[in-house]
Amino acid sequence: IVFEFYHDWAPLGVDHAISLFQDGFFDGIPFFRVIKGFLVQFGLVYDKELQKRLGDASIQDDPQLDPPIPFAPGIISYAGSGKNSRSSHLFVSYGSAKSLGTQPWETPLGLVTSGMETLTALNGEYGDKPNQNKIRNRGREYIQEEFPNMHHMTTCTVDVNEDGIAISKLATSFSSEEDKLFFISSAVVGAFLCFFTLRKFLKSRGAGGTKSN
């Protein structure tokens, strides 16, 4: 799976997300909220101290772009709970829900440019059932007992290309934590998808560029 983060979309959010990826925060975490047709969310680690030290640190909201970036399959954003509440919780949109992106903390950060088929194939049988407080307090034991087929991220690497775009490559355990079958998408395919999507997006925004509210 390849994520591309665009600094001009949300500079504070991108810097924070990339820092978490580079620190290995997302390695081994569960995709604890998978709602087919809507989104997949992640951002809670099993290590309480790590969650407290890195995961619970919040940042200020970025200004929303005008016009806003429309949510479509593959758009990456923070999941927040109010003003300046962005922390370690990220989600990837599965569809084009109009309810997404209406709040400042949901300003998009980037785009899945390769491996979207892997993300959409994640196990969605648990939906919203996993309790975030129990994940924090009981960690891996809670997930293994109550949600044994939940998928997990395994490792992440981060690169910055010549345009300053941060690229995060994720290896994901596909069947369960115990199943070691990994699906990693081609960067060549990702580059093509990124070019096609951005060209379509920029064309729809017109030649006037973007501005902040």
N, C-alpha and C. Protein backbone atom coordinates (compact mmCIF):
# COMPACT_ATOMS: atom_id res chain seq x y z
N ILE A 1 0.87 -1.18 0.00
CA ILE A 1 0.00 0.00 0.00
C ILE A 1 0.90 1.23 0.00
N VAL A 2 0.59 2.20 -0.82
CA VAL A 2 1.39 3.42 -0.88
C VAL A 2 0.50 4.63 -0.59
N PHE A 3 0.88 5.39 0.44
CA PHE A 3 0.24 6.66 0.73
C PHE A 3 1.13 7.78 0.21
N GLU A 4 0.53 8.80 -0.39
CA GLU A 4 1.27 10.00 -0.73
C GLU A 4 0.64 11.17 0.01
N PHE A 5 1.51 11.94 0.72
CA PHE A 5 1.05 13.08 1.49
C PHE A 5 1.51 14.36 0.81
N TYR A 6 0.62 15.35 0.71
CA TYR A 6 0.90 16.58 -0.01
C TYR A 6 0.94 17.75 0.96
N HIS A 7 2.12 18.31 1.12
CA HIS A 7 2.36 19.33 2.12
C HIS A 7 1.49 20.56 1.92
N ASP A 8 1.19 20.91 0.67
CA ASP A 8 0.40 22.11 0.42
C ASP A 8 -1.07 21.92 0.76
N TRP A 9 -1.51 20.68 0.94
CA TRP A 9 -2.89 20.44 1.34
C TRP A 9 -3.08 20.76 2.82
N ALA A 10 -2.16 20.27 3.66
CA ALA A 10 -2.31 20.42 5.11
C ALA A 10 -0.93 20.32 5.75
N PRO A 11 -0.15 21.39 5.74
CA PRO A 11 1.25 21.30 6.18
C PRO A 11 1.44 20.81 7.61
N LEU A 12 0.63 21.28 8.54
CA LEU A 12 0.78 20.82 9.93
C LEU A 12 0.43 19.34 10.06
N GLY A 13 -0.66 18.95 9.42
CA GLY A 13 -1.10 17.57 9.49
C GLY A 13 -0.14 16.61 8.82
N VAL A 14 0.40 17.01 7.69
CA VAL A 14 1.35 16.14 6.97
C VAL A 14 2.62 15.97 7.79
N ASP A 15 3.16 17.06 8.31
CA ASP A 15 4.38 16.97 9.10
C ASP A 15 4.19 16.04 10.30
N HIS A 16 3.06 16.15 10.95
CA HIS A 16 2.79 15.32 12.13
C HIS A 16 2.65 13.85 11.74
N ALA A 17 1.90 13.57 10.68
CA ALA A 17 1.70 12.18 10.25
C ALA A 17 3.01 11.54 9.84
N ILE A 18 3.82 12.27 9.07
CA ILE A 18 5.10 11.73 8.62
C ILE A 18 6.02 11.46 9.80
N SER A 19 5.99 12.34 10.78
CA SER A 19 6.80 12.12 11.98
C SER A 19 6.41 10.82 12.68
N LEU A 20 5.11 10.56 12.77
CA LEU A 20 4.64 9.32 13.41
C LEU A 20 5.07 8.10 12.60
N PHE A 21 4.95 8.17 11.28
CA PHE A 21 5.39 7.05 10.44
C PHE A 21 6.89 6.82 10.59
N GLN A 22 7.67 7.89 10.57
CA GLN A 22 9.12 7.76 10.68
C GLN A 22 9.56 7.21 12.03
N ASP A 23 8.80 7.51 13.07
CA ASP A 23 9.12 7.01 14.41
C ASP A 23 8.66 5.57 14.62
N GLY A 24 8.01 4.98 13.61
CA GLY A 24 7.54 3.61 13.72
C GLY A 24 6.27 3.46 14.53
N PHE A 25 5.58 4.57 14.77
CA PHE A 25 4.39 4.52 15.61
C PHE A 25 3.33 3.57 15.03
N PHE A 26 3.16 3.57 13.72
CA PHE A 26 2.09 2.79 13.11
C PHE A 26 2.45 1.32 12.87
N ASP A 27 3.68 0.94 13.12
CA ASP A 27 4.09 -0.46 12.90
C ASP A 27 3.33 -1.38 13.85
N GLY A 28 2.62 -2.36 13.28
CA GLY A 28 1.95 -3.37 14.09
C GLY A 28 0.59 -2.99 14.64
N ILE A 29 0.04 -1.84 14.24
CA ILE A 29 -1.23 -1.42 14.81
C ILE A 29 -2.42 -2.06 14.09
N PRO A 30 -3.57 -2.15 14.75
CA PRO A 30 -4.75 -2.75 14.13
C PRO A 30 -5.54 -1.74 13.29
N PHE A 31 -6.19 -2.24 12.25
CA PHE A 31 -7.20 -1.46 11.55
C PHE A 31 -8.50 -1.69 12.33
N PHE A 32 -8.71 -0.90 13.38
CA PHE A 32 -9.75 -1.23 14.35
C PHE A 32 -11.16 -0.80 13.93
N ARG A 33 -11.27 -0.02 12.90
CA ARG A 33 -12.59 0.42 12.44
C ARG A 33 -12.64 0.31 10.93
N VAL A 34 -13.35 -0.69 10.44
CA VAL A 34 -13.48 -0.92 9.00
C VAL A 34 -14.96 -0.97 8.67
N ILE A 35 -15.44 0.06 7.97
CA ILE A 35 -16.85 0.14 7.61
C ILE A 35 -16.92 0.19 6.09
N LYS A 36 -17.37 -0.89 5.51
CA LYS A 36 -17.39 -1.01 4.06
C LYS A 36 -18.20 0.11 3.42
N GLY A 37 -17.65 0.68 2.36
CA GLY A 37 -18.31 1.77 1.66
C GLY A 37 -18.14 3.12 2.31
N PHE A 38 -17.51 3.16 3.50
CA PHE A 38 -17.36 4.42 4.22
C PHE A 38 -15.89 4.75 4.48
N LEU A 39 -15.23 3.99 5.38
CA LEU A 39 -13.83 4.30 5.69
C LEU A 39 -13.17 3.16 6.46
N VAL A 40 -11.84 3.24 6.53
CA VAL A 40 -11.04 2.39 7.42
C VAL A 40 -10.20 3.33 8.28
N GLN A 41 -10.18 3.05 9.60
CA GLN A 41 -9.50 3.93 10.55
C GLN A 41 -8.46 3.15 11.34
N PHE A 42 -7.36 3.83 11.66
CA PHE A 42 -6.30 3.25 12.47
C PHE A 42 -5.60 4.36 13.25
N GLY A 43 -4.78 3.99 14.24
CA GLY A 43 -4.06 5.01 14.98
C GLY A 43 -3.93 4.76 16.47
N LEU A 44 -4.30 3.54 16.93
CA LEU A 44 -4.12 3.17 18.34
C LEU A 44 -3.08 2.06 18.43
N VAL A 45 -2.08 2.25 19.29
CA VAL A 45 -1.05 1.23 19.47
C VAL A 45 -1.33 0.45 20.75
N TYR A 46 -0.73 -0.73 20.85
CA TYR A 46 -0.93 -1.57 22.03
C TYR A 46 -0.04 -1.14 23.19
N ASP A 47 0.99 -0.37 22.93
CA ASP A 47 1.91 0.09 23.96
C ASP A 47 1.34 1.36 24.60
N LYS A 48 0.94 1.27 25.86
CA LYS A 48 0.30 2.41 26.52
C LYS A 48 1.21 3.62 26.60
N GLU A 49 2.47 3.40 26.91
CA GLU A 49 3.40 4.52 27.05
C GLU A 49 3.64 5.21 25.71
N LEU A 50 3.75 4.40 24.65
CA LEU A 50 3.94 4.97 23.32
C LEU A 50 2.71 5.76 22.89
N GLN A 51 1.53 5.21 23.18
CA GLN A 51 0.30 5.92 22.84
C GLN A 51 0.22 7.25 23.58
N LYS A 52 0.58 7.25 24.83
CA LYS A 52 0.52 8.47 25.63
C LYS A 52 1.56 9.48 25.15
N ARG A 53 2.76 9.00 24.83
CA ARG A 53 3.86 9.90 24.47
C ARG A 53 3.71 10.48 23.08
N LEU A 54 3.33 9.66 22.11
CA LEU A 54 3.25 10.12 20.73
C LEU A 54 1.81 10.20 20.21
N GLY A 55 1.02 9.17 20.51
CA GLY A 55 -0.30 9.08 19.91
C GLY A 55 -1.31 10.09 20.40
N ASP A 56 -1.19 10.50 21.66
CA ASP A 56 -2.18 11.41 22.23
C ASP A 56 -1.81 12.88 22.07
N ALA A 57 -0.65 13.16 21.50
CA ALA A 57 -0.26 14.55 21.27
C ALA A 57 -1.08 15.13 20.12
N SER A 58 -1.77 16.21 20.37
CA SER A 58 -2.65 16.80 19.35
C SER A 58 -1.99 18.03 18.72
N ILE A 59 -2.46 18.35 17.53
CA ILE A 59 -1.93 19.49 16.80
C ILE A 59 -3.07 20.41 16.38
N GLN A 60 -2.72 21.62 15.97
CA GLN A 60 -3.71 22.57 15.51
C GLN A 60 -4.26 22.16 14.15
N ASP A 61 -5.47 22.62 13.86
CA ASP A 61 -6.07 22.36 12.56
C ASP A 61 -5.36 23.16 11.48
N ASP A 62 -5.31 22.62 10.29
CA ASP A 62 -4.86 23.37 9.12
C ASP A 62 -6.05 24.12 8.53
N PRO A 63 -5.80 25.29 7.90
CA PRO A 63 -6.89 25.98 7.21
C PRO A 63 -7.45 25.11 6.09
N GLN A 64 -8.74 25.12 5.95
CA GLN A 64 -9.35 24.38 4.85
C GLN A 64 -9.12 25.12 3.54
N LEU A 65 -8.85 24.35 2.50
CA LEU A 65 -8.66 24.94 1.18
C LEU A 65 -10.00 25.39 0.60
N ASP A 66 -9.94 26.37 -0.26
CA ASP A 66 -11.15 26.91 -0.88
C ASP A 66 -10.96 26.95 -2.39
N PRO A 67 -11.66 26.12 -3.16
CA PRO A 67 -12.67 25.16 -2.71
C PRO A 67 -12.02 23.96 -2.02
N PRO A 68 -12.77 23.26 -1.17
CA PRO A 68 -12.20 22.12 -0.44
C PRO A 68 -11.92 20.94 -1.37
N ILE A 69 -10.98 20.11 -0.94
CA ILE A 69 -10.68 18.89 -1.69
C ILE A 69 -11.81 17.90 -1.46
N PRO A 70 -12.45 17.42 -2.50
CA PRO A 70 -13.57 16.50 -2.32
C PRO A 70 -13.10 15.13 -1.85
N PHE A 71 -13.87 14.52 -0.97
CA PHE A 71 -13.55 13.17 -0.52
C PHE A 71 -13.98 12.17 -1.59
N ALA A 72 -13.05 11.27 -1.88
CA ALA A 72 -13.26 10.22 -2.88
C ALA A 72 -12.52 9.00 -2.37
N PRO A 73 -12.72 7.84 -2.97
CA PRO A 73 -11.98 6.66 -2.52
C PRO A 73 -10.47 6.89 -2.51
N GLY A 74 -9.84 6.62 -1.37
CA GLY A 74 -8.40 6.78 -1.26
C GLY A 74 -7.93 8.05 -0.59
N ILE A 75 -8.81 9.00 -0.32
CA ILE A 75 -8.42 10.23 0.36
C ILE A 75 -8.08 9.91 1.82
N ILE A 76 -6.96 10.48 2.31
CA ILE A 76 -6.48 10.24 3.67
C ILE A 76 -6.71 11.48 4.52
N SER A 77 -7.20 11.30 5.73
CA SER A 77 -7.44 12.42 6.62
C SER A 77 -7.30 11.97 8.07
N TYR A 78 -7.30 12.95 8.97
CA TYR A 78 -7.34 12.64 10.39
C TYR A 78 -8.79 12.41 10.82
N ALA A 79 -8.95 11.56 11.82
CA ALA A 79 -10.23 11.43 12.52
C ALA A 79 -10.10 12.21 13.81
N GLY A 80 -10.86 13.29 13.95
CA GLY A 80 -10.80 14.12 15.14
C GLY A 80 -12.13 14.16 15.87
N SER A 81 -12.15 14.90 16.96
CA SER A 81 -13.37 14.98 17.77
C SER A 81 -13.77 16.41 18.06
N GLY A 82 -13.03 17.37 17.51
CA GLY A 82 -13.33 18.77 17.76
C GLY A 82 -12.16 19.63 17.31
N LYS A 83 -12.24 20.90 17.61
CA LYS A 83 -11.21 21.84 17.19
C LYS A 83 -9.85 21.42 17.74
N ASN A 84 -8.85 21.45 16.86
CA ASN A 84 -7.45 21.14 17.22
C ASN A 84 -7.32 19.79 17.94
N SER A 85 -8.03 18.79 17.47
CA SER A 85 -8.03 17.48 18.12
C SER A 85 -7.26 16.41 17.35
N ARG A 86 -6.61 16.77 16.26
CA ARG A 86 -5.91 15.77 15.45
C ARG A 86 -4.72 15.20 16.23
N SER A 87 -4.64 13.87 16.25
CA SER A 87 -3.56 13.22 17.00
C SER A 87 -2.93 12.13 16.14
N SER A 88 -3.19 10.87 16.47
CA SER A 88 -2.60 9.76 15.70
C SER A 88 -3.64 9.02 14.86
N HIS A 89 -4.89 9.39 14.98
CA HIS A 89 -5.96 8.68 14.27
C HIS A 89 -6.06 9.15 12.82
N LEU A 90 -5.84 8.23 11.90
CA LEU A 90 -6.01 8.51 10.48
C LEU A 90 -7.09 7.62 9.91
N PHE A 91 -7.70 8.07 8.84
CA PHE A 91 -8.63 7.20 8.12
C PHE A 91 -8.45 7.39 6.63
N VAL A 92 -8.84 6.35 5.91
CA VAL A 92 -8.87 6.39 4.45
C VAL A 92 -10.31 6.22 4.01
N SER A 93 -10.76 7.12 3.17
CA SER A 93 -12.14 7.06 2.69
C SER A 93 -12.32 5.93 1.69
N TYR A 94 -13.38 5.17 1.87
CA TYR A 94 -13.73 4.12 0.91
C TYR A 94 -14.62 4.65 -0.21
N GLY A 95 -15.30 5.75 0.06
CA GLY A 95 -16.26 6.25 -0.93
C GLY A 95 -16.21 7.76 -1.03
N SER A 96 -17.37 8.36 -1.26
CA SER A 96 -17.47 9.81 -1.45
C SER A 96 -18.54 10.39 -0.53
N ALA A 97 -18.51 9.99 0.74
CA ALA A 97 -19.53 10.44 1.70
C ALA A 97 -19.48 11.95 1.87
N LYS A 98 -20.62 12.59 1.73
CA LYS A 98 -20.70 14.04 1.84
C LYS A 98 -20.48 14.51 3.27
N SER A 99 -20.62 13.61 4.23
CA SER A 99 -20.42 13.99 5.64
C SER A 99 -18.95 14.18 5.98
N LEU A 100 -18.04 13.66 5.15
CA LEU A 100 -16.61 13.78 5.41
C LEU A 100 -16.07 15.09 4.87
N GLY A 101 -15.11 15.66 5.59
CA GLY A 101 -14.46 16.88 5.14
C GLY A 101 -15.20 18.16 5.46
N THR A 102 -16.24 18.07 6.26
CA THR A 102 -17.01 19.27 6.60
C THR A 102 -16.42 20.02 7.78
N GLN A 103 -15.50 19.37 8.52
CA GLN A 103 -14.90 19.99 9.70
C GLN A 103 -13.41 20.27 9.45
N PRO A 104 -12.86 21.28 10.13
CA PRO A 104 -11.45 21.64 9.88
C PRO A 104 -10.48 20.50 10.14
N TRP A 105 -10.76 19.65 11.14
CA TRP A 105 -9.83 18.56 11.45
C TRP A 105 -9.86 17.44 10.41
N GLU A 106 -10.79 17.51 9.47
CA GLU A 106 -10.86 16.50 8.42
C GLU A 106 -10.31 17.02 7.09
N THR A 107 -9.50 18.05 7.13
CA THR A 107 -8.85 18.51 5.90
C THR A 107 -7.94 17.41 5.38
N PRO A 108 -8.10 16.96 4.13
CA PRO A 108 -7.30 15.84 3.61
C PRO A 108 -5.80 16.10 3.66
N LEU A 109 -5.06 15.01 3.84
CA LEU A 109 -3.60 15.05 3.89
C LEU A 109 -2.97 14.52 2.62
N GLY A 110 -3.65 13.57 1.98
CA GLY A 110 -3.03 12.90 0.85
C GLY A 110 -3.95 11.87 0.24
N LEU A 111 -3.32 10.91 -0.44
CA LEU A 111 -4.05 9.99 -1.30
C LEU A 111 -3.37 8.63 -1.32
N VAL A 112 -4.17 7.59 -1.32
CA VAL A 112 -3.65 6.24 -1.54
C VAL A 112 -3.40 6.09 -3.04
N THR A 113 -2.16 5.94 -3.43
CA THR A 113 -1.83 5.87 -4.85
C THR A 113 -1.58 4.45 -5.33
N SER A 114 -1.51 3.51 -4.42
CA SER A 114 -1.35 2.11 -4.81
C SER A 114 -1.80 1.22 -3.66
N GLY A 115 -2.46 0.14 -4.00
CA GLY A 115 -2.88 -0.81 -2.98
C GLY A 115 -4.26 -0.56 -2.40
N MET A 116 -5.07 0.25 -3.05
CA MET A 116 -6.42 0.50 -2.52
C MET A 116 -7.23 -0.79 -2.47
N GLU A 117 -6.93 -1.70 -3.39
CA GLU A 117 -7.65 -2.98 -3.39
C GLU A 117 -7.36 -3.78 -2.12
N THR A 118 -6.18 -3.59 -1.55
CA THR A 118 -5.84 -4.25 -0.30
C THR A 118 -6.62 -3.64 0.85
N LEU A 119 -6.71 -2.33 0.88
CA LEU A 119 -7.45 -1.66 1.94
C LEU A 119 -8.93 -1.99 1.90
N THR A 120 -9.50 -2.05 0.72
CA THR A 120 -10.93 -2.35 0.63
C THR A 120 -11.23 -3.81 0.94
N ALA A 121 -10.21 -4.67 0.89
CA ALA A 121 -10.39 -6.08 1.20
C ALA A 121 -10.19 -6.39 2.69
N LEU A 122 -9.87 -5.38 3.51
CA LEU A 122 -9.71 -5.61 4.94
C LEU A 122 -11.00 -6.14 5.55
N ASN A 123 -10.86 -6.94 6.57
CA ASN A 123 -12.03 -7.55 7.21
C ASN A 123 -12.93 -6.48 7.83
N GLY A 124 -14.18 -6.43 7.40
CA GLY A 124 -15.12 -5.45 7.91
C GLY A 124 -16.20 -6.03 8.79
N GLU A 125 -16.01 -7.26 9.26
CA GLU A 125 -17.09 -7.90 10.04
C GLU A 125 -17.33 -7.24 11.39
N TYR A 126 -16.35 -6.50 11.91
CA TYR A 126 -16.49 -5.94 13.25
C TYR A 126 -17.03 -4.51 13.25
N GLY A 127 -16.95 -3.83 12.12
CA GLY A 127 -17.52 -2.48 12.02
C GLY A 127 -17.07 -1.55 13.13
N ASP A 128 -18.05 -0.99 13.85
CA ASP A 128 -17.78 -0.06 14.94
C ASP A 128 -17.72 -0.75 16.31
N LYS A 129 -17.74 -2.06 16.34
CA LYS A 129 -17.80 -2.78 17.62
C LYS A 129 -16.55 -2.63 18.50
N PRO A 130 -15.34 -2.65 17.95
CA PRO A 130 -14.17 -2.49 18.82
C PRO A 130 -14.22 -1.21 19.62
N ASN A 131 -14.00 -1.33 20.93
CA ASN A 131 -14.06 -0.20 21.85
C ASN A 131 -12.66 0.41 21.99
N GLN A 132 -12.55 1.68 21.66
CA GLN A 132 -11.24 2.31 21.66
C GLN A 132 -10.61 2.38 23.05
N ASN A 133 -11.42 2.60 24.07
CA ASN A 133 -10.88 2.64 25.44
C ASN A 133 -10.35 1.28 25.86
N LYS A 134 -11.02 0.21 25.43
CA LYS A 134 -10.55 -1.13 25.77
C LYS A 134 -9.27 -1.47 25.01
N ILE A 135 -9.15 -0.97 23.79
CA ILE A 135 -7.89 -1.16 23.07
C ILE A 135 -6.77 -0.47 23.83
N ARG A 136 -7.03 0.73 24.33
CA ARG A 136 -6.03 1.46 25.09
C ARG A 136 -5.65 0.72 26.38
N ASN A 137 -6.66 0.21 27.08
CA ASN A 137 -6.42 -0.35 28.41
C ASN A 137 -5.97 -1.81 28.39
N ARG A 138 -6.53 -2.61 27.47
CA ARG A 138 -6.22 -4.03 27.45
C ARG A 138 -5.30 -4.43 26.31
N GLY A 139 -5.21 -3.57 25.31
CA GLY A 139 -4.27 -3.78 24.22
C GLY A 139 -4.53 -5.02 23.39
N ARG A 140 -3.46 -5.71 23.06
CA ARG A 140 -3.52 -6.85 22.15
C ARG A 140 -4.43 -7.97 22.66
N GLU A 141 -4.43 -8.16 23.97
CA GLU A 141 -5.26 -9.22 24.55
C GLU A 141 -6.73 -9.03 24.20
N TYR A 142 -7.21 -7.80 24.29
CA TYR A 142 -8.61 -7.49 23.97
C TYR A 142 -8.92 -7.82 22.52
N ILE A 143 -8.05 -7.41 21.60
CA ILE A 143 -8.28 -7.66 20.18
C ILE A 143 -8.24 -9.16 19.88
N GLN A 144 -7.27 -9.86 20.42
CA GLN A 144 -7.15 -11.30 20.15
C GLN A 144 -8.33 -12.08 20.69
N GLU A 145 -8.87 -11.65 21.83
CA GLU A 145 -10.00 -12.37 22.42
C GLU A 145 -11.31 -12.06 21.73
N GLU A 146 -11.54 -10.79 21.43
CA GLU A 146 -12.84 -10.37 20.91
C GLU A 146 -12.91 -10.24 19.39
N PHE A 147 -11.77 -9.95 18.76
CA PHE A 147 -11.76 -9.68 17.31
C PHE A 147 -10.56 -10.38 16.67
N PRO A 148 -10.53 -11.69 16.71
CA PRO A 148 -9.33 -12.43 16.29
C PRO A 148 -8.98 -12.29 14.81
N ASN A 149 -9.94 -11.90 13.98
CA ASN A 149 -9.68 -11.77 12.54
C ASN A 149 -9.41 -10.34 12.10
N MET A 150 -9.16 -9.47 13.05
CA MET A 150 -8.86 -8.08 12.70
C MET A 150 -7.50 -8.00 12.00
N HIS A 151 -7.43 -7.21 10.96
CA HIS A 151 -6.18 -7.03 10.23
C HIS A 151 -5.29 -6.00 10.91
N HIS A 152 -3.98 -6.15 10.69
CA HIS A 152 -2.99 -5.27 11.29
C HIS A 152 -2.03 -4.75 10.22
N MET A 153 -1.52 -3.56 10.44
CA MET A 153 -0.41 -3.05 9.67
C MET A 153 0.85 -3.73 10.22
N THR A 154 1.84 -3.96 9.38
CA THR A 154 3.06 -4.56 9.89
C THR A 154 4.20 -3.55 9.95
N THR A 155 4.69 -3.09 8.82
CA THR A 155 5.79 -2.13 8.81
C THR A 155 5.51 -0.99 7.85
N CYS A 156 6.18 0.14 8.09
CA CYS A 156 6.02 1.32 7.25
C CYS A 156 7.39 1.92 6.96
N THR A 157 7.57 2.39 5.77
CA THR A 157 8.78 3.15 5.42
C THR A 157 8.36 4.46 4.77
N VAL A 158 9.19 5.47 4.92
CA VAL A 158 8.86 6.80 4.41
C VAL A 158 9.98 7.30 3.51
N ASP A 159 9.61 7.82 2.34
CA ASP A 159 10.56 8.44 1.41
C ASP A 159 10.00 9.81 1.02
N VAL A 160 10.88 10.70 0.61
CA VAL A 160 10.47 11.99 0.07
C VAL A 160 11.04 12.11 -1.33
N ASN A 161 10.16 12.32 -2.32
CA ASN A 161 10.64 12.37 -3.70
C ASN A 161 11.15 13.75 -4.08
N GLU A 162 11.51 13.92 -5.33
CA GLU A 162 12.14 15.16 -5.77
C GLU A 162 11.20 16.36 -5.70
N ASP A 163 9.90 16.10 -5.63
CA ASP A 163 8.93 17.19 -5.52
C ASP A 163 8.59 17.51 -4.07
N GLY A 164 9.27 16.84 -3.14
CA GLY A 164 8.99 17.08 -1.73
C GLY A 164 7.76 16.37 -1.23
N ILE A 165 7.27 15.42 -2.01
CA ILE A 165 6.08 14.66 -1.60
C ILE A 165 6.52 13.48 -0.75
N ALA A 166 5.94 13.36 0.43
CA ALA A 166 6.27 12.26 1.32
C ALA A 166 5.48 11.02 0.93
N ILE A 167 6.18 9.92 0.76
CA ILE A 167 5.55 8.67 0.34
C ILE A 167 5.74 7.63 1.44
N SER A 168 4.66 7.14 1.97
CA SER A 168 4.71 6.13 3.02
C SER A 168 4.26 4.79 2.44
N LYS A 169 5.13 3.79 2.52
CA LYS A 169 4.84 2.47 1.99
C LYS A 169 4.54 1.52 3.15
N LEU A 170 3.39 0.90 3.11
CA LEU A 170 2.92 0.07 4.21
C LEU A 170 2.87 -1.39 3.79
N ALA A 171 3.37 -2.27 4.65
CA ALA A 171 3.15 -3.70 4.48
C ALA A 171 2.07 -4.11 5.46
N THR A 172 1.09 -4.87 5.01
CA THR A 172 -0.08 -5.16 5.81
C THR A 172 -0.32 -6.66 5.92
N SER A 173 -0.57 -7.13 7.15
CA SER A 173 -0.96 -8.53 7.31
C SER A 173 -2.41 -8.64 6.88
N PHE A 174 -2.68 -9.49 5.94
CA PHE A 174 -3.95 -9.45 5.21
C PHE A 174 -5.05 -10.29 5.83
N SER A 175 -4.72 -11.44 6.39
CA SER A 175 -5.76 -12.32 6.91
C SER A 175 -6.00 -12.11 8.40
N SER A 176 -4.94 -12.01 9.16
CA SER A 176 -5.02 -11.74 10.58
C SER A 176 -3.61 -11.45 11.05
N GLU A 177 -3.45 -11.16 12.32
CA GLU A 177 -2.12 -10.87 12.82
C GLU A 177 -1.19 -12.07 12.66
N GLU A 178 -1.75 -13.28 12.77
CA GLU A 178 -0.92 -14.47 12.70
C GLU A 178 -0.58 -14.89 11.27
N ASP A 179 -1.38 -14.44 10.33
CA ASP A 179 -1.16 -14.80 8.94
C ASP A 179 -0.11 -13.88 8.35
N LYS A 180 1.00 -14.41 7.89
CA LYS A 180 2.12 -13.60 7.43
C LYS A 180 2.15 -13.41 5.91
N LEU A 181 0.99 -13.35 5.29
CA LEU A 181 0.91 -13.10 3.86
C LEU A 181 0.80 -11.60 3.64
N PHE A 182 1.78 -11.02 2.96
CA PHE A 182 1.83 -9.58 2.80
C PHE A 182 1.47 -9.17 1.37
N PHE A 183 0.79 -8.05 1.27
CA PHE A 183 0.42 -7.50 -0.02
C PHE A 183 1.02 -6.10 -0.11
N ILE A 184 2.04 -5.92 -0.99
CA ILE A 184 2.66 -4.61 -1.19
C ILE A 184 2.51 -4.23 -2.66
N SER A 185 1.91 -3.08 -2.90
CA SER A 185 1.59 -2.69 -4.27
C SER A 185 2.78 -2.04 -4.96
N SER A 186 2.73 -2.01 -6.29
CA SER A 186 3.81 -1.47 -7.10
C SER A 186 3.81 0.06 -7.09
N ALA A 187 4.98 0.65 -6.88
CA ALA A 187 5.10 2.11 -6.89
C ALA A 187 4.84 2.68 -8.28
N VAL A 188 5.11 1.88 -9.31
CA VAL A 188 4.85 2.34 -10.69
C VAL A 188 3.37 2.54 -10.90
N VAL A 189 2.58 1.56 -10.44
CA VAL A 189 1.13 1.70 -10.53
C VAL A 189 0.66 2.88 -9.70
N GLY A 190 1.27 3.04 -8.52
CA GLY A 190 0.91 4.16 -7.65
C GLY A 190 1.16 5.49 -8.31
N ALA A 191 2.29 5.63 -8.99
CA ALA A 191 2.61 6.89 -9.65
C ALA A 191 1.60 7.21 -10.75
N PHE A 192 1.19 6.17 -11.49
CA PHE A 192 0.20 6.38 -12.54
C PHE A 192 -1.14 6.83 -11.95
N LEU A 193 -1.56 6.14 -10.89
CA LEU A 193 -2.84 6.49 -10.26
C LEU A 193 -2.79 7.89 -9.68
N CYS A 194 -1.66 8.24 -9.08
CA CYS A 194 -1.50 9.57 -8.51
C CYS A 194 -1.60 10.64 -9.61
N PHE A 195 -0.90 10.42 -10.72
CA PHE A 195 -0.92 11.38 -11.82
C PHE A 195 -2.33 11.55 -12.36
N PHE A 196 -3.02 10.42 -12.57
CA PHE A 196 -4.36 10.47 -13.13
C PHE A 196 -5.32 11.20 -12.20
N THR A 197 -5.25 10.86 -10.90
CA THR A 197 -6.17 11.45 -9.93
C THR A 197 -5.91 12.94 -9.75
N LEU A 198 -4.63 13.31 -9.61
CA LEU A 198 -4.32 14.71 -9.41
C LEU A 198 -4.64 15.55 -10.65
N ARG A 199 -4.42 14.99 -11.83
CA ARG A 199 -4.75 15.72 -13.04
C ARG A 199 -6.24 16.00 -13.10
N LYS A 200 -7.03 14.98 -12.75
CA LYS A 200 -8.47 15.16 -12.75
C LYS A 200 -8.90 16.17 -11.70
N PHE A 201 -8.25 16.10 -10.52
CA PHE A 201 -8.59 17.00 -9.43
C PHE A 201 -8.23 18.44 -9.76
N LEU A 202 -7.02 18.65 -10.27
CA LEU A 202 -6.59 20.00 -10.59
C LEU A 202 -7.42 20.60 -11.72
N LYS A 203 -7.79 19.76 -12.67
CA LYS A 203 -8.62 20.24 -13.77
C LYS A 203 -9.97 20.71 -13.26
N SER A 204 -10.52 19.95 -12.28
CA SER A 204 -11.83 20.31 -11.75
C SER A 204 -11.78 21.58 -10.92
N ARG A 205 -10.58 21.93 -10.38
CA ARG A 205 -10.44 23.12 -9.56
C ARG A 205 -10.16 24.37 -10.39
N GLY A 206 -9.81 24.18 -11.65
CA GLY A 206 -9.57 25.32 -12.52
C GLY A 206 -8.15 25.83 -12.39
N ALA A 207 -7.83 26.85 -13.11
CA ALA A 207 -6.46 27.35 -13.19
C ALA A 207 -6.15 28.39 -12.12
N GLY A 208 -7.13 28.72 -11.26
CA GLY A 208 -6.91 29.79 -10.30
C GLY A 208 -6.14 29.39 -9.08
N GLY A 209 -5.83 28.10 -8.89
CA GLY A 209 -5.07 27.67 -7.73
C GLY A 209 -5.96 27.55 -6.52
N THR A 210 -5.32 27.43 -5.35
CA THR A 210 -6.06 27.28 -4.11
C THR A 210 -5.70 28.41 -3.16
N LYS A 211 -6.57 28.61 -2.20
CA LYS A 211 -6.30 29.60 -1.17
C LYS A 211 -6.91 29.12 0.13
N SER A 212 -6.42 29.63 1.22
CA SER A 212 -6.92 29.24 2.52
C SER A 212 -7.99 30.22 2.97
N ASN A 213 -8.93 29.67 3.76
CA ASN A 213 -9.96 30.54 4.33
C ASN A 213 -9.34 31.49 5.36
